[in-house]
Amino acid sequence: MFVKNIMIPKHECFIAQEDETLQDALKKLEQHQIDGLPVLKGDQYVGVVTRYSIYENYFLANQPKDEYLTSTLVKDIATHQEVFLQGGEIFEKTLLDLKDFPLLAVVDAQHQFLGAVTRSDVLGTFESAFGFKRSGVRIAFTSVETEGRIARLSEIAHHFHEHIISLVTFDETDKLVRRIVMKVEKKDNIDKFTKKLEEYGFRILSIDED
């Protein structure tokens, strides 16, 4: 999945124009209960202002709070001017960038603002990938890293008419053993299904219902 598939489009984003005061920006942050706003000059992306940066700069400004908020413009403290996305990136790679920052802007080749990806969006997509939003049975197991193992796993699941909610693999390196977590709908044949997996060399680590 690509960034463009999960981004919030421009017309749905809360934004701040560069000549707005921090007081105006803070009102938007409070009103919409969000942590950051893309900063634009017209339609051009010029940075991000966050709740944290507003408070951080206040402590450095040596000004009364009201004076600081009404006299300082958003563009004065905007950051991440050169940190943005262009939509074609794989969304998983944004997780580290968003670990300690609430959002990243998505822009086109002319730096026109297209939308934003938030930390909440990325975490929600990971939740979906792991099947957190649907009840079922989560089976964790290991497999020797050989060609065709995932295909064989699919064949066994198909044979038992298992409905796979999610399938995630780990250790995609040169390791000989790969960890796999599969979530399937709860059915009465789960014991037979896992027994068949073991017969084909998949080592069951845990079985949890959620």
N, C-alpha and C. Protein backbone atom coordinates (compact mmCIF):
# COMPACT_ATOMS: atom_id res chain seq x y z
N MET A 1 0.85 -1.19 0.00
CA MET A 1 0.00 0.00 0.00
C MET A 1 0.89 1.25 0.00
N PHE A 2 0.42 2.26 -0.72
CA PHE A 2 1.20 3.47 -0.85
C PHE A 2 0.62 4.60 0.01
N VAL A 3 1.48 5.59 0.27
CA VAL A 3 1.07 6.74 1.06
C VAL A 3 -0.20 7.38 0.50
N LYS A 4 -0.29 7.49 -0.83
CA LYS A 4 -1.44 8.14 -1.45
C LYS A 4 -2.75 7.41 -1.15
N ASN A 5 -2.65 6.11 -0.78
CA ASN A 5 -3.86 5.35 -0.48
C ASN A 5 -4.40 5.61 0.92
N ILE A 6 -3.57 6.15 1.81
CA ILE A 6 -4.03 6.38 3.18
C ILE A 6 -4.01 7.84 3.59
N MET A 7 -3.55 8.73 2.70
CA MET A 7 -3.44 10.13 3.09
C MET A 7 -4.82 10.78 3.21
N ILE A 8 -4.88 11.80 4.04
CA ILE A 8 -6.08 12.62 4.14
C ILE A 8 -6.00 13.65 3.02
N PRO A 9 -6.95 13.70 2.09
CA PRO A 9 -6.85 14.67 0.98
C PRO A 9 -6.96 16.10 1.47
N LYS A 10 -6.43 16.99 0.68
CA LYS A 10 -6.34 18.40 1.05
C LYS A 10 -7.67 18.97 1.55
N HIS A 11 -8.77 18.65 0.85
CA HIS A 11 -10.05 19.27 1.19
C HIS A 11 -10.59 18.79 2.53
N GLU A 12 -9.98 17.73 3.10
CA GLU A 12 -10.41 17.25 4.40
C GLU A 12 -9.41 17.60 5.51
N CYS A 13 -8.32 18.26 5.14
CA CYS A 13 -7.28 18.59 6.12
C CYS A 13 -7.58 19.92 6.82
N PHE A 14 -7.18 20.01 8.06
CA PHE A 14 -7.16 21.28 8.78
C PHE A 14 -5.77 21.87 8.56
N ILE A 15 -5.72 23.09 8.06
CA ILE A 15 -4.44 23.71 7.72
C ILE A 15 -4.35 25.10 8.32
N ALA A 16 -3.14 25.67 8.27
CA ALA A 16 -2.92 27.06 8.69
C ALA A 16 -2.17 27.77 7.58
N GLN A 17 -2.61 28.98 7.27
CA GLN A 17 -1.85 29.81 6.33
C GLN A 17 -0.68 30.43 7.08
N GLU A 18 0.41 30.70 6.37
CA GLU A 18 1.65 31.10 7.01
C GLU A 18 1.56 32.41 7.80
N ASP A 19 0.62 33.29 7.43
CA ASP A 19 0.52 34.58 8.11
C ASP A 19 -0.50 34.59 9.24
N GLU A 20 -1.02 33.40 9.60
CA GLU A 20 -1.90 33.31 10.77
C GLU A 20 -1.07 33.41 12.04
N THR A 21 -1.68 33.90 13.09
CA THR A 21 -0.97 33.95 14.37
C THR A 21 -0.99 32.59 15.04
N LEU A 22 -0.10 32.42 16.00
CA LEU A 22 -0.10 31.18 16.76
C LEU A 22 -1.38 31.02 17.56
N GLN A 23 -1.97 32.13 17.95
CA GLN A 23 -3.24 32.06 18.67
C GLN A 23 -4.32 31.41 17.79
N ASP A 24 -4.37 31.81 16.51
CA ASP A 24 -5.33 31.22 15.58
C ASP A 24 -5.05 29.73 15.37
N ALA A 25 -3.76 29.40 15.23
CA ALA A 25 -3.39 28.00 15.02
C ALA A 25 -3.75 27.15 16.24
N LEU A 26 -3.49 27.70 17.41
CA LEU A 26 -3.77 26.96 18.64
C LEU A 26 -5.27 26.72 18.80
N LYS A 27 -6.07 27.70 18.39
CA LYS A 27 -7.53 27.53 18.45
C LYS A 27 -7.96 26.36 17.57
N LYS A 28 -7.37 26.24 16.38
CA LYS A 28 -7.71 25.13 15.48
C LYS A 28 -7.29 23.79 16.08
N LEU A 29 -6.10 23.76 16.67
CA LEU A 29 -5.61 22.53 17.29
C LEU A 29 -6.54 22.11 18.42
N GLU A 30 -6.96 23.07 19.23
CA GLU A 30 -7.85 22.75 20.35
C GLU A 30 -9.23 22.35 19.86
N GLN A 31 -9.74 23.08 18.90
CA GLN A 31 -11.10 22.83 18.40
C GLN A 31 -11.23 21.45 17.80
N HIS A 32 -10.22 21.02 17.05
CA HIS A 32 -10.30 19.74 16.35
C HIS A 32 -9.56 18.62 17.08
N GLN A 33 -9.00 18.94 18.24
CA GLN A 33 -8.29 17.94 19.05
C GLN A 33 -7.23 17.20 18.25
N ILE A 34 -6.37 17.98 17.61
CA ILE A 34 -5.27 17.42 16.83
C ILE A 34 -3.97 18.03 17.33
N ASP A 35 -2.84 17.47 16.87
CA ASP A 35 -1.54 17.89 17.39
C ASP A 35 -0.71 18.71 16.41
N GLY A 36 -1.14 18.79 15.15
CA GLY A 36 -0.34 19.52 14.19
C GLY A 36 -1.14 19.99 12.99
N LEU A 37 -0.64 21.04 12.32
CA LEU A 37 -1.29 21.60 11.14
C LEU A 37 -0.26 21.81 10.03
N PRO A 38 -0.54 21.38 8.80
CA PRO A 38 0.31 21.79 7.68
C PRO A 38 0.21 23.30 7.50
N VAL A 39 1.31 23.92 7.17
CA VAL A 39 1.35 25.37 6.97
C VAL A 39 1.51 25.64 5.47
N LEU A 40 0.64 26.50 4.95
CA LEU A 40 0.64 26.77 3.51
C LEU A 40 0.81 28.26 3.24
N LYS A 41 1.38 28.55 2.08
CA LYS A 41 1.38 29.89 1.51
C LYS A 41 0.56 29.80 0.25
N GLY A 42 -0.72 30.14 0.36
CA GLY A 42 -1.64 29.85 -0.72
C GLY A 42 -1.87 28.35 -0.76
N ASP A 43 -1.41 27.70 -1.84
CA ASP A 43 -1.48 26.24 -1.94
C ASP A 43 -0.11 25.58 -1.78
N GLN A 44 0.93 26.40 -1.57
CA GLN A 44 2.29 25.89 -1.45
C GLN A 44 2.57 25.44 -0.02
N TYR A 45 3.16 24.27 0.10
CA TYR A 45 3.52 23.75 1.42
C TYR A 45 4.78 24.44 1.93
N VAL A 46 4.73 24.96 3.17
CA VAL A 46 5.90 25.64 3.73
C VAL A 46 6.31 25.11 5.10
N GLY A 47 5.66 24.06 5.59
CA GLY A 47 6.07 23.50 6.86
C GLY A 47 4.91 22.96 7.68
N VAL A 48 5.20 22.68 8.94
CA VAL A 48 4.20 22.16 9.87
C VAL A 48 4.33 22.90 11.19
N VAL A 49 3.22 23.23 11.80
CA VAL A 49 3.22 23.79 13.15
C VAL A 49 2.51 22.80 14.06
N THR A 50 3.09 22.54 15.21
CA THR A 50 2.51 21.57 16.14
C THR A 50 2.22 22.23 17.49
N ARG A 51 1.37 21.59 18.23
CA ARG A 51 1.08 22.05 19.58
C ARG A 51 2.38 22.10 20.39
N TYR A 52 3.22 21.08 20.25
CA TYR A 52 4.48 21.01 20.99
C TYR A 52 5.39 22.18 20.62
N SER A 53 5.49 22.49 19.31
CA SER A 53 6.40 23.56 18.89
C SER A 53 5.92 24.93 19.37
N ILE A 54 4.60 25.10 19.46
CA ILE A 54 4.06 26.36 19.97
C ILE A 54 4.49 26.57 21.42
N TYR A 55 4.31 25.52 22.23
CA TYR A 55 4.67 25.64 23.65
C TYR A 55 6.18 25.70 23.84
N GLU A 56 6.92 24.93 23.05
CA GLU A 56 8.38 24.94 23.17
C GLU A 56 8.94 26.33 22.87
N ASN A 57 8.45 26.94 21.81
CA ASN A 57 8.95 28.27 21.45
C ASN A 57 8.49 29.35 22.42
N TYR A 58 7.36 29.12 23.07
CA TYR A 58 6.91 30.08 24.08
C TYR A 58 7.91 30.16 25.23
N PHE A 59 8.40 29.00 25.66
CA PHE A 59 9.35 28.99 26.76
C PHE A 59 10.69 29.63 26.38
N LEU A 60 10.97 29.71 25.09
CA LEU A 60 12.21 30.32 24.63
C LEU A 60 12.05 31.78 24.25
N ALA A 61 10.79 32.22 24.14
CA ALA A 61 10.53 33.56 23.59
C ALA A 61 10.74 34.69 24.58
N ASN A 62 10.66 34.40 25.87
CA ASN A 62 10.80 35.43 26.91
C ASN A 62 9.80 36.57 26.69
N GLN A 63 8.55 36.18 26.41
CA GLN A 63 7.47 37.14 26.21
C GLN A 63 6.27 36.71 27.06
N PRO A 64 5.39 37.64 27.41
CA PRO A 64 4.13 37.24 28.03
C PRO A 64 3.36 36.34 27.07
N LYS A 65 2.61 35.43 27.61
CA LYS A 65 1.93 34.43 26.79
C LYS A 65 1.03 35.06 25.73
N ASP A 66 0.18 36.00 26.11
CA ASP A 66 -0.75 36.62 25.16
C ASP A 66 0.00 37.34 24.06
N GLU A 67 1.07 38.05 24.43
CA GLU A 67 1.86 38.76 23.43
C GLU A 67 2.50 37.79 22.46
N TYR A 68 3.05 36.72 22.99
CA TYR A 68 3.70 35.71 22.15
C TYR A 68 2.71 35.11 21.16
N LEU A 69 1.52 34.73 21.63
CA LEU A 69 0.55 34.07 20.77
C LEU A 69 -0.03 34.99 19.71
N THR A 70 -0.17 36.27 20.02
CA THR A 70 -0.79 37.20 19.08
C THR A 70 0.20 37.87 18.15
N SER A 71 1.47 37.91 18.51
CA SER A 71 2.46 38.60 17.69
C SER A 71 3.33 37.65 16.86
N THR A 72 3.32 36.38 17.19
CA THR A 72 4.14 35.41 16.46
C THR A 72 3.29 34.74 15.38
N LEU A 73 3.82 34.70 14.18
CA LEU A 73 3.11 34.07 13.07
C LEU A 73 3.49 32.60 12.94
N VAL A 74 2.60 31.87 12.35
CA VAL A 74 2.82 30.44 12.16
C VAL A 74 4.13 30.18 11.42
N LYS A 75 4.41 30.98 10.39
CA LYS A 75 5.62 30.75 9.59
C LYS A 75 6.91 30.96 10.39
N ASP A 76 6.80 31.68 11.50
CA ASP A 76 7.99 31.96 12.31
C ASP A 76 8.51 30.72 13.03
N ILE A 77 7.64 29.75 13.29
CA ILE A 77 8.08 28.57 14.03
C ILE A 77 7.83 27.27 13.27
N ALA A 78 7.35 27.37 12.03
CA ALA A 78 7.07 26.16 11.25
C ALA A 78 8.34 25.35 11.05
N THR A 79 8.19 24.04 11.07
CA THR A 79 9.32 23.12 10.86
C THR A 79 8.97 22.14 9.74
N HIS A 80 9.91 21.25 9.47
CA HIS A 80 9.73 20.19 8.47
C HIS A 80 9.47 20.74 7.06
N GLN A 81 10.08 21.88 6.75
CA GLN A 81 9.91 22.44 5.42
C GLN A 81 10.44 21.49 4.34
N GLU A 82 11.49 20.75 4.66
CA GLU A 82 12.09 19.87 3.67
C GLU A 82 11.78 18.40 3.94
N VAL A 83 10.86 18.15 4.86
CA VAL A 83 10.47 16.78 5.18
C VAL A 83 9.02 16.60 4.77
N PHE A 84 8.80 15.85 3.70
CA PHE A 84 7.45 15.67 3.18
C PHE A 84 7.41 14.38 2.36
N LEU A 85 6.23 14.02 1.92
CA LEU A 85 6.03 12.83 1.10
C LEU A 85 5.47 13.25 -0.26
N GLN A 86 5.56 12.33 -1.22
CA GLN A 86 5.03 12.64 -2.55
C GLN A 86 4.00 11.62 -3.03
N GLY A 87 3.60 10.74 -2.12
CA GLY A 87 2.48 9.84 -2.41
C GLY A 87 2.86 8.46 -2.88
N GLY A 88 4.01 8.33 -3.52
CA GLY A 88 4.39 7.03 -4.06
C GLY A 88 5.17 6.16 -3.10
N GLU A 89 5.45 6.66 -1.91
CA GLU A 89 6.21 5.89 -0.93
C GLU A 89 5.36 4.75 -0.36
N ILE A 90 6.02 3.66 0.03
CA ILE A 90 5.32 2.58 0.74
C ILE A 90 4.99 3.07 2.13
N PHE A 91 3.73 2.92 2.55
CA PHE A 91 3.30 3.57 3.78
C PHE A 91 4.04 3.05 5.01
N GLU A 92 4.51 1.81 4.99
CA GLU A 92 5.21 1.28 6.16
C GLU A 92 6.43 2.11 6.53
N LYS A 93 7.08 2.71 5.52
CA LYS A 93 8.30 3.47 5.78
C LYS A 93 8.03 4.77 6.51
N THR A 94 6.77 5.19 6.59
CA THR A 94 6.45 6.43 7.28
C THR A 94 6.39 6.25 8.79
N LEU A 95 6.33 5.00 9.26
CA LEU A 95 6.12 4.77 10.69
C LEU A 95 7.22 5.38 11.53
N LEU A 96 8.47 5.19 11.13
CA LEU A 96 9.58 5.75 11.92
C LEU A 96 9.58 7.27 11.86
N ASP A 97 9.24 7.83 10.69
CA ASP A 97 9.20 9.29 10.57
C ASP A 97 8.12 9.88 11.46
N LEU A 98 7.05 9.14 11.68
CA LEU A 98 5.93 9.63 12.46
C LEU A 98 5.96 9.16 13.91
N LYS A 99 7.02 8.49 14.29
CA LYS A 99 7.13 7.99 15.67
C LYS A 99 7.03 9.12 16.68
N ASP A 100 7.70 10.22 16.42
CA ASP A 100 7.73 11.34 17.36
C ASP A 100 7.18 12.62 16.75
N PHE A 101 6.39 12.49 15.67
CA PHE A 101 5.85 13.67 15.00
C PHE A 101 4.44 13.34 14.53
N PRO A 102 3.49 14.27 14.65
CA PRO A 102 2.09 13.90 14.41
C PRO A 102 1.67 13.74 12.96
N LEU A 103 2.38 14.39 12.02
CA LEU A 103 1.93 14.29 10.63
C LEU A 103 3.04 14.63 9.66
N LEU A 104 2.87 14.16 8.43
CA LEU A 104 3.75 14.54 7.33
C LEU A 104 2.87 15.00 6.17
N ALA A 105 3.30 16.07 5.50
CA ALA A 105 2.56 16.58 4.35
C ALA A 105 2.87 15.75 3.10
N VAL A 106 1.92 15.71 2.19
CA VAL A 106 2.10 15.08 0.88
C VAL A 106 2.01 16.20 -0.16
N VAL A 107 3.02 16.32 -1.01
CA VAL A 107 3.07 17.41 -1.99
C VAL A 107 3.36 16.85 -3.38
N ASP A 108 3.08 17.68 -4.40
CA ASP A 108 3.42 17.28 -5.77
C ASP A 108 4.79 17.84 -6.15
N ALA A 109 5.16 17.68 -7.42
CA ALA A 109 6.49 18.10 -7.87
C ALA A 109 6.68 19.60 -7.77
N GLN A 110 5.59 20.37 -7.76
CA GLN A 110 5.68 21.83 -7.65
C GLN A 110 5.51 22.29 -6.21
N HIS A 111 5.53 21.37 -5.28
CA HIS A 111 5.40 21.68 -3.86
C HIS A 111 3.98 22.12 -3.47
N GLN A 112 3.03 21.80 -4.35
CA GLN A 112 1.64 22.09 -4.03
C GLN A 112 1.15 21.05 -3.01
N PHE A 113 0.45 21.53 -2.00
CA PHE A 113 -0.03 20.65 -0.93
C PHE A 113 -1.16 19.77 -1.44
N LEU A 114 -1.02 18.44 -1.27
CA LEU A 114 -2.03 17.48 -1.71
C LEU A 114 -2.82 16.87 -0.57
N GLY A 115 -2.20 16.79 0.59
CA GLY A 115 -2.85 16.15 1.73
C GLY A 115 -1.83 15.86 2.82
N ALA A 116 -2.23 15.02 3.76
CA ALA A 116 -1.34 14.71 4.89
C ALA A 116 -1.55 13.28 5.35
N VAL A 117 -0.50 12.74 5.94
CA VAL A 117 -0.57 11.43 6.59
C VAL A 117 -0.27 11.65 8.07
N THR A 118 -1.14 11.17 8.92
CA THR A 118 -0.95 11.35 10.35
C THR A 118 -0.48 10.05 11.00
N ARG A 119 0.10 10.21 12.17
CA ARG A 119 0.53 9.03 12.93
C ARG A 119 -0.65 8.11 13.20
N SER A 120 -1.81 8.69 13.48
CA SER A 120 -3.01 7.90 13.74
C SER A 120 -3.41 7.09 12.52
N ASP A 121 -3.29 7.67 11.31
CA ASP A 121 -3.64 6.95 10.08
C ASP A 121 -2.76 5.72 9.90
N VAL A 122 -1.45 5.90 10.12
CA VAL A 122 -0.51 4.80 9.92
C VAL A 122 -0.75 3.69 10.94
N LEU A 123 -0.93 4.07 12.20
CA LEU A 123 -1.19 3.05 13.22
C LEU A 123 -2.50 2.32 12.95
N GLY A 124 -3.51 3.05 12.47
CA GLY A 124 -4.78 2.42 12.13
C GLY A 124 -4.63 1.41 11.00
N THR A 125 -3.77 1.73 10.04
CA THR A 125 -3.54 0.81 8.93
C THR A 125 -2.82 -0.44 9.41
N PHE A 126 -1.87 -0.27 10.33
CA PHE A 126 -1.20 -1.44 10.90
C PHE A 126 -2.18 -2.29 11.70
N GLU A 127 -3.08 -1.65 12.43
CA GLU A 127 -4.10 -2.40 13.17
C GLU A 127 -4.94 -3.25 12.22
N SER A 128 -5.28 -2.66 11.08
CA SER A 128 -6.05 -3.39 10.09
C SER A 128 -5.26 -4.56 9.53
N ALA A 129 -3.96 -4.33 9.26
CA ALA A 129 -3.10 -5.39 8.71
C ALA A 129 -3.00 -6.58 9.66
N PHE A 130 -3.01 -6.30 10.97
CA PHE A 130 -2.93 -7.37 11.95
C PHE A 130 -4.31 -7.90 12.34
N GLY A 131 -5.36 -7.33 11.78
CA GLY A 131 -6.70 -7.83 12.05
C GLY A 131 -7.22 -7.51 13.43
N PHE A 132 -6.74 -6.42 14.03
CA PHE A 132 -7.16 -6.07 15.40
C PHE A 132 -8.64 -5.72 15.49
N LYS A 133 -9.22 -5.27 14.40
CA LYS A 133 -10.59 -4.78 14.45
C LYS A 133 -11.63 -5.87 14.23
N ARG A 134 -11.18 -7.10 14.04
CA ARG A 134 -12.12 -8.22 13.85
C ARG A 134 -11.78 -9.34 14.81
N SER A 135 -12.78 -9.95 15.36
CA SER A 135 -12.55 -11.06 16.28
C SER A 135 -12.17 -12.31 15.49
N GLY A 136 -11.41 -13.17 16.13
CA GLY A 136 -10.98 -14.39 15.48
C GLY A 136 -9.96 -15.13 16.32
N VAL A 137 -9.20 -16.01 15.70
CA VAL A 137 -8.17 -16.79 16.38
C VAL A 137 -6.83 -16.44 15.75
N ARG A 138 -5.90 -16.02 16.60
CA ARG A 138 -4.56 -15.62 16.14
C ARG A 138 -3.60 -16.78 16.40
N ILE A 139 -2.97 -17.26 15.33
CA ILE A 139 -2.04 -18.39 15.42
C ILE A 139 -0.64 -17.90 15.08
N ALA A 140 0.27 -18.04 16.01
CA ALA A 140 1.67 -17.66 15.77
C ALA A 140 2.48 -18.94 15.58
N PHE A 141 3.30 -18.99 14.55
CA PHE A 141 4.09 -20.19 14.30
C PHE A 141 5.36 -19.83 13.53
N THR A 142 6.24 -20.78 13.44
CA THR A 142 7.48 -20.58 12.69
C THR A 142 7.52 -21.55 11.53
N SER A 143 8.32 -21.19 10.55
CA SER A 143 8.48 -22.03 9.38
C SER A 143 9.90 -21.93 8.88
N VAL A 144 10.45 -23.04 8.45
CA VAL A 144 11.76 -23.01 7.81
C VAL A 144 11.64 -22.21 6.52
N GLU A 145 12.57 -21.31 6.29
CA GLU A 145 12.51 -20.40 5.15
C GLU A 145 12.90 -21.15 3.88
N THR A 146 11.90 -21.70 3.19
CA THR A 146 12.12 -22.38 1.92
C THR A 146 11.10 -21.88 0.90
N GLU A 147 11.43 -22.03 -0.34
CA GLU A 147 10.55 -21.56 -1.41
C GLU A 147 9.21 -22.31 -1.37
N GLY A 148 8.13 -21.55 -1.51
CA GLY A 148 6.81 -22.17 -1.59
C GLY A 148 6.12 -22.39 -0.25
N ARG A 149 6.73 -21.94 0.87
CA ARG A 149 6.11 -22.20 2.17
C ARG A 149 4.81 -21.43 2.35
N ILE A 150 4.75 -20.19 1.91
CA ILE A 150 3.53 -19.40 2.04
C ILE A 150 2.44 -20.00 1.15
N ALA A 151 2.84 -20.47 -0.04
CA ALA A 151 1.87 -21.11 -0.93
C ALA A 151 1.29 -22.37 -0.29
N ARG A 152 2.15 -23.16 0.36
CA ARG A 152 1.68 -24.37 1.03
C ARG A 152 0.74 -24.01 2.19
N LEU A 153 1.08 -22.96 2.91
CA LEU A 153 0.23 -22.49 4.00
C LEU A 153 -1.16 -22.12 3.47
N SER A 154 -1.19 -21.45 2.34
CA SER A 154 -2.47 -21.06 1.73
C SER A 154 -3.27 -22.29 1.29
N GLU A 155 -2.58 -23.28 0.79
CA GLU A 155 -3.26 -24.51 0.37
C GLU A 155 -3.92 -25.21 1.55
N ILE A 156 -3.21 -25.27 2.67
CA ILE A 156 -3.77 -25.91 3.86
C ILE A 156 -4.99 -25.13 4.37
N ALA A 157 -4.87 -23.81 4.39
CA ALA A 157 -5.99 -22.98 4.83
C ALA A 157 -7.19 -23.17 3.91
N HIS A 158 -6.93 -23.24 2.62
CA HIS A 158 -8.02 -23.44 1.66
C HIS A 158 -8.68 -24.81 1.86
N HIS A 159 -7.87 -25.81 2.12
CA HIS A 159 -8.41 -27.15 2.34
C HIS A 159 -9.37 -27.19 3.53
N PHE A 160 -9.06 -26.42 4.56
CA PHE A 160 -9.91 -26.40 5.75
C PHE A 160 -10.95 -25.27 5.69
N HIS A 161 -11.05 -24.63 4.54
CA HIS A 161 -12.02 -23.54 4.33
C HIS A 161 -11.86 -22.44 5.39
N GLU A 162 -10.60 -22.17 5.73
CA GLU A 162 -10.34 -21.12 6.70
C GLU A 162 -10.43 -19.76 6.03
N HIS A 163 -11.10 -18.83 6.70
CA HIS A 163 -11.14 -17.46 6.20
C HIS A 163 -10.03 -16.68 6.89
N ILE A 164 -9.01 -16.29 6.13
CA ILE A 164 -7.86 -15.60 6.69
C ILE A 164 -8.18 -14.11 6.84
N ILE A 165 -8.14 -13.63 8.07
CA ILE A 165 -8.38 -12.21 8.35
C ILE A 165 -7.11 -11.40 8.11
N SER A 166 -5.98 -11.94 8.56
CA SER A 166 -4.70 -11.26 8.35
C SER A 166 -3.58 -12.28 8.34
N LEU A 167 -2.50 -11.92 7.67
CA LEU A 167 -1.32 -12.78 7.60
C LEU A 167 -0.09 -11.88 7.56
N VAL A 168 0.74 -11.99 8.59
CA VAL A 168 1.92 -11.14 8.70
C VAL A 168 3.14 -12.02 8.94
N THR A 169 4.23 -11.75 8.23
CA THR A 169 5.45 -12.51 8.44
C THR A 169 6.55 -11.59 8.96
N PHE A 170 7.49 -12.20 9.68
CA PHE A 170 8.61 -11.46 10.26
C PHE A 170 9.91 -12.14 9.84
N ASP A 171 11.03 -11.47 10.13
CA ASP A 171 12.36 -12.02 9.86
C ASP A 171 12.61 -12.20 8.37
N GLU A 172 12.28 -11.15 7.57
CA GLU A 172 12.49 -11.25 6.13
C GLU A 172 13.96 -10.93 5.83
N THR A 173 14.86 -11.76 6.39
CA THR A 173 16.29 -11.57 6.19
C THR A 173 16.88 -12.88 5.70
N ASP A 174 18.14 -13.11 6.02
CA ASP A 174 18.76 -14.35 5.60
C ASP A 174 18.62 -15.44 6.66
N LYS A 175 17.73 -15.20 7.66
CA LYS A 175 17.53 -16.21 8.68
C LYS A 175 16.85 -17.45 8.07
N LEU A 176 17.11 -18.60 8.67
CA LEU A 176 16.55 -19.84 8.15
C LEU A 176 15.12 -20.08 8.61
N VAL A 177 14.71 -19.39 9.66
CA VAL A 177 13.37 -19.59 10.20
C VAL A 177 12.61 -18.27 10.16
N ARG A 178 11.39 -18.32 9.65
CA ARG A 178 10.55 -17.14 9.58
C ARG A 178 9.38 -17.29 10.55
N ARG A 179 9.07 -16.20 11.27
CA ARG A 179 7.90 -16.20 12.14
C ARG A 179 6.69 -15.69 11.36
N ILE A 180 5.56 -16.32 11.59
CA ILE A 180 4.33 -15.98 10.88
C ILE A 180 3.20 -15.85 11.89
N VAL A 181 2.38 -14.83 11.72
CA VAL A 181 1.18 -14.68 12.55
C VAL A 181 -0.02 -14.63 11.61
N MET A 182 -0.91 -15.58 11.79
CA MET A 182 -2.11 -15.67 10.96
C MET A 182 -3.34 -15.52 11.85
N LYS A 183 -4.28 -14.72 11.41
CA LYS A 183 -5.55 -14.61 12.15
C LYS A 183 -6.66 -15.13 11.25
N VAL A 184 -7.43 -16.06 11.78
CA VAL A 184 -8.53 -16.66 11.02
C VAL A 184 -9.83 -16.53 11.81
N GLU A 185 -10.93 -16.66 11.11
CA GLU A 185 -12.22 -16.65 11.79
C GLU A 185 -12.32 -17.88 12.69
N LYS A 186 -12.99 -17.71 13.83
CA LYS A 186 -13.13 -18.80 14.78
C LYS A 186 -14.06 -19.87 14.21
N LYS A 187 -13.55 -21.10 14.19
CA LYS A 187 -14.34 -22.25 13.72
C LYS A 187 -14.06 -23.44 14.62
N ASP A 188 -14.87 -24.47 14.49
CA ASP A 188 -14.73 -25.64 15.36
C ASP A 188 -13.56 -26.54 14.96
N ASN A 189 -12.97 -26.30 13.79
CA ASN A 189 -11.90 -27.21 13.32
C ASN A 189 -10.51 -26.67 13.54
N ILE A 190 -10.37 -25.72 14.46
CA ILE A 190 -9.07 -25.08 14.64
C ILE A 190 -8.00 -26.07 15.07
N ASP A 191 -8.38 -27.08 15.89
CA ASP A 191 -7.40 -28.08 16.33
C ASP A 191 -6.90 -28.91 15.15
N LYS A 192 -7.82 -29.31 14.28
CA LYS A 192 -7.43 -30.10 13.11
C LYS A 192 -6.56 -29.26 12.17
N PHE A 193 -6.91 -28.00 12.04
CA PHE A 193 -6.16 -27.11 11.16
C PHE A 193 -4.72 -26.94 11.65
N THR A 194 -4.55 -26.67 12.95
CA THR A 194 -3.20 -26.46 13.48
C THR A 194 -2.40 -27.77 13.47
N LYS A 195 -3.09 -28.89 13.68
CA LYS A 195 -2.40 -30.18 13.62
C LYS A 195 -1.85 -30.43 12.22
N LYS A 196 -2.63 -30.08 11.21
CA LYS A 196 -2.17 -30.25 9.83
C LYS A 196 -0.99 -29.33 9.53
N LEU A 197 -1.03 -28.12 10.09
CA LEU A 197 0.11 -27.21 9.91
C LEU A 197 1.38 -27.85 10.46
N GLU A 198 1.28 -28.45 11.65
CA GLU A 198 2.45 -29.08 12.26
C GLU A 198 2.93 -30.27 11.44
N GLU A 199 2.01 -31.00 10.84
CA GLU A 199 2.40 -32.14 10.00
C GLU A 199 3.24 -31.69 8.81
N TYR A 200 3.00 -30.46 8.38
CA TYR A 200 3.75 -29.94 7.23
C TYR A 200 4.94 -29.08 7.66
N GLY A 201 5.31 -29.18 8.93
CA GLY A 201 6.54 -28.55 9.37
C GLY A 201 6.42 -27.16 9.96
N PHE A 202 5.19 -26.68 10.11
CA PHE A 202 4.99 -25.39 10.76
C PHE A 202 4.92 -25.62 12.27
N ARG A 203 5.78 -24.92 13.01
CA ARG A 203 5.85 -25.12 14.47
C ARG A 203 4.98 -24.07 15.16
N ILE A 204 3.92 -24.54 15.82
CA ILE A 204 2.98 -23.64 16.47
C ILE A 204 3.60 -23.08 17.75
N LEU A 205 3.54 -21.74 17.88
CA LEU A 205 4.06 -21.07 19.06
C LEU A 205 2.95 -20.70 20.04
N SER A 206 1.83 -20.23 19.52
CA SER A 206 0.71 -19.86 20.39
C SER A 206 -0.57 -19.80 19.58
N ILE A 207 -1.69 -19.99 20.28
CA ILE A 207 -3.01 -19.87 19.68
C ILE A 207 -3.85 -19.05 20.65
N ASP A 208 -4.31 -17.89 20.21
CA ASP A 208 -5.05 -16.99 21.08
C ASP A 208 -6.33 -16.54 20.38
N GLU A 209 -7.39 -16.50 21.13
CA GLU A 209 -8.67 -16.00 20.61
C GLU A 209 -8.84 -14.55 21.06
N ASP A 210 -9.23 -13.68 20.14
CA ASP A 210 -9.50 -12.28 20.53
C ASP A 210 -10.66 -11.72 19.72
